[in-house]
Protein backbone atom coordinates (compact mmCIF):
# COMPACT_ATOMS: atom_id res chain seq x y z
CA MET A 1 -26.36 7.44 -71.78
CA THR A 2 -24.55 9.49 -69.16
CA TYR A 3 -25.38 13.07 -68.18
CA ARG A 4 -22.26 14.38 -69.95
CA VAL A 5 -23.24 12.75 -73.26
CA LEU A 6 -26.86 13.92 -72.90
CA ALA A 7 -25.80 17.53 -72.23
CA LYS A 8 -23.54 17.51 -75.29
CA LYS A 9 -26.33 16.12 -77.50
CA LEU A 10 -28.90 18.61 -76.14
CA ARG A 11 -26.55 21.50 -76.93
CA GLY A 12 -26.03 20.07 -80.41
CA LEU A 13 -29.81 20.06 -80.91
CA GLY A 14 -30.02 23.74 -79.95
CA CYS A 15 -31.16 23.36 -76.34
CA GLU A 16 -29.71 25.60 -73.65
CA PHE A 17 -28.88 25.21 -69.97
CA VAL A 18 -30.96 27.79 -68.09
CA ARG A 19 -30.09 27.44 -64.41
CA GLN A 20 -29.22 25.12 -61.57
CA GLY A 21 -32.25 23.83 -59.70
CA PRO A 22 -32.41 22.38 -56.20
CA GLY A 23 -29.81 19.71 -55.51
CA SER A 24 -28.56 18.00 -58.65
CA HIS A 25 -31.42 19.19 -60.87
CA GLU A 26 -30.83 21.44 -63.87
CA ILE A 27 -33.35 23.38 -65.95
CA TRP A 28 -32.91 23.15 -69.75
CA TRP A 29 -35.01 24.68 -72.52
CA ASN A 30 -35.51 24.42 -76.23
CA PRO A 31 -35.65 27.98 -77.64
CA ALA A 32 -37.09 26.76 -80.95
CA ASN A 33 -40.41 25.81 -79.35
CA LYS A 34 -40.02 27.34 -75.85
CA HIS A 35 -40.33 24.06 -73.91
CA PHE A 36 -38.58 23.44 -70.59
CA THR A 37 -37.47 20.26 -68.82
CA THR A 38 -35.57 19.19 -65.72
CA VAL A 39 -32.46 17.05 -66.05
CA VAL A 40 -30.98 15.32 -63.00
CA LYS A 41 -27.20 15.44 -63.02
CA GLY A 42 -25.75 12.29 -61.55
CA LYS A 43 -23.34 9.42 -61.92
CA GLY A 44 -24.03 6.51 -64.20
CA ASP A 45 -26.52 6.06 -66.99
CA ILE A 46 -29.82 7.90 -67.22
CA PRO A 47 -32.72 5.39 -67.30
CA LYS A 48 -34.46 4.99 -70.69
CA GLY A 49 -37.80 6.18 -69.33
CA THR A 50 -36.25 9.34 -67.91
CA LEU A 51 -34.44 10.01 -71.16
CA SER A 52 -37.70 9.59 -73.09
CA ALA A 53 -39.45 12.04 -70.75
CA ILE A 54 -36.69 14.63 -71.20
CA LEU A 55 -36.93 14.40 -75.00
CA ARG A 56 -40.74 14.49 -74.88
CA ASP A 57 -40.70 17.57 -72.59
CA LEU A 58 -38.38 19.39 -75.01
CA ASP A 59 -40.49 18.23 -77.97
CA LEU A 60 -37.53 16.60 -79.72
């Protein structure tokens, strides 16, 4: 899954982009349960382990 697809799915699940972090990092949060995570914006597919960690951090 690419960053663009992930961002679209996160928005569809109610998550919001909060701010740009250092470098290519972005801070996202889930307002339903007030959990934050960091998403690295880059080229290519996001590794499965990283994707799992993002979903776990947002409690999805």
